[in-house]
Amino acid sequence: MAMDGTQFFNGAQSLSRLISETDVMTRTVGADLCRSATESLMRLALPYIDVEKLIDVPANERGYARKMLYTHPRGHFSVLALRWMPGAGTPVHGHNAWGCVGVVDGEIGCETFSTDECCEHVESTGIIRASKGAVASVDPNPCGIHRLFNPTDRISHTLHIYGMDLSENPCAINVPYQH
C-alpha cells in the first residue's frame, strides 16, 4: 500500500483530521520531535486540504491575509491559513517556536538569512521557490530566519502549524529582524 495519505486524509474532513493527528502527536512525542513529526503529517495531508474558502479576512498592508483556524486548548499548537496576493511578502523574521508551512496552491518564495553572534545583523543566504505540495519546517529563533513572499502574478495559499498558542496574537510567533 502506498504511503501517500489517500486512505487517511482524503475527504471533506482532511483539515480536521490533520488537526486531530497533530494533537495526538504533540501529546505523545517529545518536544524535540514535534517539528519533524508535524512536517511528516502535513506532507501526507496537504494534497487533500483546501483553505481558500476559509480565509475570509482582508489582506494586510504587506499583501497577505492571516486567518487563525485552530488553537489547541492547552496551547500546544496553532493552525493558520494565509492568502498571498501577487507580490506580497513578510518582513525578515524568526520564530518563537517550531513551525511547519505547506504550500496549498500557487507558489511561495522563501529567502533565508544567517545572523551574527549577537543577532544584530542578518545576511541573505539564498532564495528558494516552493510550489503546491511543498512542506518545510523551521526551528525556534535564532535558527530559521527567513522571509516569505509570493513571486507570482497569482494568489497563493499556505497552511502553517506553529508549536505555541497564538489565539490572543497570531503575530506573537514572529521575531522581527532588520535587513
Foldseek 3Di string as FASTA:
>chain_A
DDPQLCVPQADDCNVVSLVVVLVVVLVPDDQVCSQVVNLVSCLNRLQRDDCPVVQPDDADPQAKGKDWDDAPPVFQKTKIKMKGAAFGKDAWWFFQAKKKKAWNAAKKKKWWWDADPVRQDIDTPDMDMDGHSDMDMWGGPPTTTIMMHHNDNHMTMMMMMTRGGCPVPVCNGIDHHDD
